[in-house]
Amino acid sequence: MTIKEIEQEIISEFEMFDDWLDKYNYIIELGKSVQEIAPQYKEQQYLIKGCQSQVWLHAKLDEGKVVFTADSDALITKGIVHLLIRVLTNQTPDYIINTELDFIEKIGLKEHLSPTRSNGLVNMIKQMKLYALAFKTKMQNQ
């Protein structure tokens, strides 16, 4: 699936809920389904800076596509990173670097997060794009 197709799927899922309490609960449920990051990646170097809670993010390149895993000590943050991983994992570095992630605005996520969580969301996206950029550079230099 393309990023846009996955984003549309997420937008449709969130349209089922009438209020933000239900949407928050859905995000928390998504957080419970995050495939946890391997223990060796729950270290300082994989922590995303600027997040209210601790978020560890790891990426690897597999057959030209970036595969992300993550974990957090907060369920809401786990749910948010789950959405990002769902959209960006198994995509090419170029596609990740150049995508706008429209679903965040369309489901109203950014406007319903506290300033510190919103800052954390921006930092998660930034780190995912940095991983993609590093993989792109590595692939070009081979």
C-alpha atoms as a PDB file:
ATOM      1  CA  MET A   1       0.000   0.000   0.000  1.00  0.00           C
ATOM      2  CA  THR A   2       1.110   3.546  -0.625  1.00  0.00           C
ATOM      3  CA  ILE A   3       1.430   6.121   2.145  1.00  0.00           C
ATOM      4  CA  LYS A   4      -1.626   7.971   0.808  1.00  0.00           C
ATOM      5  CA  GLU A   5      -3.728   4.771   0.831  1.00  0.00           C
ATOM      6  CA  ILE A   6      -2.728   3.986   4.416  1.00  0.00           C
ATOM      7  CA  GLU A   7      -3.423   7.580   5.450  1.00  0.00           C
ATOM      8  CA  GLN A   8      -6.902   7.376   3.907  1.00  0.00           C
ATOM      9  CA  GLU A   9      -7.549   4.150   5.818  1.00  0.00           C
ATOM     10  CA  ILE A  10      -6.612   5.881   9.094  1.00  0.00           C
ATOM     11  CA  ILE A  11      -8.767   8.932   8.266  1.00  0.00           C
ATOM     12  CA  SER A  12     -11.739   6.621   7.629  1.00  0.00           C
ATOM     13  CA  GLU A  13     -11.171   4.839  10.940  1.00  0.00           C
ATOM     14  CA  PHE A  14     -11.154   8.124  12.851  1.00  0.00           C
ATOM     15  CA  GLU A  15     -14.317   9.335  11.083  1.00  0.00           C
ATOM     16  CA  MET A  16     -16.210   6.584  12.929  1.00  0.00           C
ATOM     17  CA  PHE A  17     -15.776   8.466  16.215  1.00  0.00           C
ATOM     18  CA  ASP A  18     -17.901  11.466  17.144  1.00  0.00           C
ATOM     19  CA  ASP A  19     -15.793  13.006  19.891  1.00  0.00           C
ATOM     20  CA  TRP A  20     -12.167  13.278  20.865  1.00  0.00           C
ATOM     21  CA  LEU A  21     -12.477  11.147  23.992  1.00  0.00           C
ATOM     22  CA  ASP A  22     -13.387   8.204  21.749  1.00  0.00           C
ATOM     23  CA  LYS A  23     -10.501   9.056  19.423  1.00  0.00           C
ATOM     24  CA  TYR A  24      -8.060   9.192  22.362  1.00  0.00           C
ATOM     25  CA  ASN A  25      -9.323   5.816  23.558  1.00  0.00           C
ATOM     26  CA  TYR A  26      -8.803   4.414  20.060  1.00  0.00           C
ATOM     27  CA  ILE A  27      -5.238   5.779  19.982  1.00  0.00           C
ATOM     28  CA  ILE A  28      -4.585   4.150  23.374  1.00  0.00           C
ATOM     29  CA  GLU A  29      -5.940   0.827  22.054  1.00  0.00           C
ATOM     30  CA  LEU A  30      -3.633   1.143  19.041  1.00  0.00           C
ATOM     31  CA  GLY A  31      -0.760   1.682  21.444  1.00  0.00           C
ATOM     32  CA  LYS A  32      -1.458  -1.670  23.053  1.00  0.00           C
ATOM     33  CA  SER A  33      -0.899  -3.366  19.698  1.00  0.00           C
ATOM     34  CA  VAL A  34       2.526  -1.858  18.989  1.00  0.00           C
ATOM     35  CA  GLN A  35       5.083  -4.534  18.278  1.00  0.00           C
ATOM     36  CA  GLU A  36       7.623  -3.656  20.909  1.00  0.00           C
ATOM     37  CA  ILE A  37      11.121  -2.663  20.022  1.00  0.00           C
ATOM     38  CA  ALA A  38      13.883  -5.184  20.732  1.00  0.00           C
ATOM     39  CA  PRO A  39      15.430  -4.634  24.200  1.00  0.00           C
ATOM     40  CA  GLN A  40      18.825  -3.637  22.775  1.00  0.00           C
ATOM     41  CA  TYR A  41      17.177  -0.601  21.163  1.00  0.00           C
ATOM     42  CA  LYS A  42      15.655   0.681  24.412  1.00  0.00           C
ATOM     43  CA  GLU A  43      18.758   2.717  25.064  1.00  0.00           C
ATOM     44  CA  GLN A  44      19.600   6.394  25.190  1.00  0.00           C
ATOM     45  CA  GLN A  45      20.800   6.627  21.579  1.00  0.00           C
ATOM     46  CA  TYR A  46      17.357   5.545  20.294  1.00  0.00           C
ATOM     47  CA  LEU A  47      15.368   7.972  22.470  1.00  0.00           C
ATOM     48  CA  ILE A  48      13.571  10.733  20.627  1.00  0.00           C
ATOM     49  CA  LYS A  49      14.464  14.097  22.097  1.00  0.00           C
ATOM     50  CA  GLY A  50      11.774  16.588  22.996  1.00  0.00           C
ATOM     51  CA  CYS A  51       9.006  14.120  23.840  1.00  0.00           C
ATOM     52  CA  GLN A  52       6.970  14.409  27.028  1.00  0.00           C
ATOM     53  CA  SER A  53       7.313  10.661  27.554  1.00  0.00           C
ATOM     54  CA  GLN A  54      10.121   8.328  26.608  1.00  0.00           C
ATOM     55  CA  VAL A  55       9.951   7.139  23.007  1.00  0.00           C
ATOM     56  CA  TRP A  56      12.485   4.765  21.519  1.00  0.00           C
ATOM     57  CA  LEU A  57      12.616   4.455  17.729  1.00  0.00           C
ATOM     58  CA  HIS A  58      14.693   2.072  15.650  1.00  0.00           C
ATOM     59  CA  ALA A  59      14.878   1.701  11.884  1.00  0.00           C
ATOM     60  CA  LYS A  60      16.506  -0.759   9.545  1.00  0.00           C
ATOM     61  CA  LEU A  61      16.688  -1.032   5.794  1.00  0.00           C
ATOM     62  CA  ASP A  62      15.226  -4.228   4.384  1.00  0.00           C
ATOM     63  CA  GLU A  63      15.337  -4.765   0.630  1.00  0.00           C
ATOM     64  CA  GLY A  64      15.290  -1.030  -0.083  1.00  0.00           C
ATOM     65  CA  LYS A  65      12.478  -0.254   2.344  1.00  0.00           C
ATOM     66  CA  VAL A  66      12.643   1.230   5.829  1.00  0.00           C
ATOM     67  CA  VAL A  67      11.212  -0.846   8.677  1.00  0.00           C
ATOM     68  CA  PHE A  68      10.500   0.962  11.949  1.00  0.00           C
ATOM     69  CA  THR A  69       9.950  -0.389  15.446  1.00  0.00           C
ATOM     70  CA  ALA A  70       9.248   1.686  18.531  1.00  0.00           C
ATOM     71  CA  ASP A  71       8.139   1.722  22.124  1.00  0.00           C
ATOM     72  CA  SER A  72       7.087   4.296  24.685  1.00  0.00           C
ATOM     73  CA  ASP A  73       6.386   4.433  28.389  1.00  0.00           C
ATOM     74  CA  ALA A  74       3.015   6.144  27.733  1.00  0.00           C
ATOM     75  CA  LEU A  75       0.077   4.445  25.994  1.00  0.00           C
ATOM     76  CA  ILE A  76      -1.119   7.546  24.150  1.00  0.00           C
ATOM     77  CA  THR A  77       2.383   8.068  22.757  1.00  0.00           C
ATOM     78  CA  LYS A  78       2.595   4.393  21.838  1.00  0.00           C
ATOM     79  CA  GLY A  79      -0.625   4.841  19.877  1.00  0.00           C
ATOM     80  CA  ILE A  80       0.699   7.906  18.081  1.00  0.00           C
ATOM     81  CA  VAL A  81       3.960   6.204  17.129  1.00  0.00           C
ATOM     82  CA  HIS A  82       1.913   3.172  16.015  1.00  0.00           C
ATOM     83  CA  LEU A  83       0.063   5.407  13.537  1.00  0.00           C
ATOM     84  CA  LEU A  84       3.332   6.840  12.226  1.00  0.00           C
ATOM     85  CA  ILE A  85       4.884   3.399  11.860  1.00  0.00           C
ATOM     86  CA  ARG A  86       1.769   2.076  10.154  1.00  0.00           C
ATOM     87  CA  VAL A  87       2.052   4.827   7.544  1.00  0.00           C
ATOM     88  CA  LEU A  88       5.817   4.938   7.047  1.00  0.00           C
ATOM     89  CA  THR A  89       7.147   1.411   7.577  1.00  0.00           C
ATOM     90  CA  ASN A  90       7.903  -0.691   4.501  1.00  0.00           C
ATOM     91  CA  GLN A  91       8.194   2.420   2.345  1.00  0.00           C
ATOM     92  CA  THR A  92      11.235   3.571   0.381  1.00  0.00           C
ATOM     93  CA  PRO A  93      13.488   6.240   1.882  1.00  0.00           C
ATOM     94  CA  ASP A  94      12.544   8.706  -0.895  1.00  0.00           C
ATOM     95  CA  TYR A  95       8.840   8.203  -0.300  1.00  0.00           C
ATOM     96  CA  ILE A  96       9.256   8.750   3.456  1.00  0.00           C
ATOM     97  CA  ILE A  97      11.396  11.866   2.994  1.00  0.00           C
ATOM     98  CA  ASN A  98       8.950  13.470   0.546  1.00  0.00           C
ATOM     99  CA  THR A  99       5.634  12.678   2.211  1.00  0.00           C
ATOM    100  CA  GLU A 100       3.616  15.350   4.015  1.00  0.00           C
ATOM    101  CA  LEU A 101       1.618  13.058   6.366  1.00  0.00           C
ATOM    102  CA  ASP A 102      -1.721  14.759   5.719  1.00  0.00           C
ATOM    103  CA  PHE A 103      -3.621  12.350   7.974  1.00  0.00           C
ATOM    104  CA  ILE A 104      -2.342  14.120  11.108  1.00  0.00           C
ATOM    105  CA  GLU A 105      -4.228  17.299  10.202  1.00  0.00           C
ATOM    106  CA  LYS A 106      -7.235  15.503   8.747  1.00  0.00           C
ATOM    107  CA  ILE A 107      -7.945  13.459  11.893  1.00  0.00           C
ATOM    108  CA  GLY A 108      -7.345  16.549  14.061  1.00  0.00           C
ATOM    109  CA  LEU A 109      -4.523  14.935  16.003  1.00  0.00           C
ATOM    110  CA  LYS A 110      -2.183  17.904  16.194  1.00  0.00           C
ATOM    111  CA  GLU A 111      -4.838  20.337  17.428  1.00  0.00           C
ATOM    112  CA  HIS A 112      -5.951  17.952  20.198  1.00  0.00           C
ATOM    113  CA  LEU A 113      -2.513  17.245  21.628  1.00  0.00           C
ATOM    114  CA  SER A 114      -0.895  19.214  24.413  1.00  0.00           C
ATOM    115  CA  PRO A 115       1.972  21.438  23.239  1.00  0.00           C
ATOM    116  CA  THR A 116       4.575  19.007  24.614  1.00  0.00           C
ATOM    117  CA  ARG A 117       2.933  15.982  22.930  1.00  0.00           C
ATOM    118  CA  SER A 118       2.573  17.959  19.707  1.00  0.00           C
ATOM    119  CA  ASN A 119       6.286  18.804  19.889  1.00  0.00           C
ATOM    120  CA  GLY A 120       6.997  15.108  20.474  1.00  0.00           C
ATOM    121  CA  LEU A 121       4.959  14.182  17.392  1.00  0.00           C
ATOM    122  CA  VAL A 122       6.988  16.601  15.269  1.00  0.00           C
ATOM    123  CA  ASN A 123      10.219  15.132  16.673  1.00  0.00           C
ATOM    124  CA  MET A 124       9.076  11.550  15.953  1.00  0.00           C
ATOM    125  CA  ILE A 125       8.339  12.451  12.318  1.00  0.00           C
ATOM    126  CA  LYS A 126      11.634  14.323  12.041  1.00  0.00           C
ATOM    127  CA  GLN A 127      13.574  11.312  13.376  1.00  0.00           C
ATOM    128  CA  MET A 128      11.802   8.925  10.993  1.00  0.00           C
ATOM    129  CA  LYS A 129      12.673  11.178   8.053  1.00  0.00           C
ATOM    130  CA  LEU A 130      16.275  11.436   9.261  1.00  0.00           C
ATOM    131  CA  TYR A 131      16.542   7.640   9.316  1.00  0.00           C
ATOM    132  CA  ALA A 132      15.147   7.557   5.770  1.00  0.00           C
ATOM    133  CA  LEU A 133      17.638  10.208   4.651  1.00  0.00           C
ATOM    134  CA  ALA A 134      20.526   8.254   6.187  1.00  0.00           C
ATOM    135  CA  PHE A 135      19.423   5.076   4.396  1.00  0.00           C
ATOM    136  CA  LYS A 136      19.028   6.951   1.104  1.00  0.00           C
ATOM    137  CA  THR A 137      22.559   8.343   1.438  1.00  0.00           C
ATOM    138  CA  LYS A 138      23.922   4.907   2.318  1.00  0.00           C
ATOM    139  CA  MET A 139      22.194   3.341  -0.708  1.00  0.00           C
ATOM    140  CA  GLN A 140      23.587   6.037  -3.032  1.00  0.00           C
ATOM    141  CA  ASN A 141      27.119   5.455  -1.758  1.00  0.00           C
ATOM    142  CA  GLN A 142      27.080   1.708  -2.410  1.00  0.00           C
END
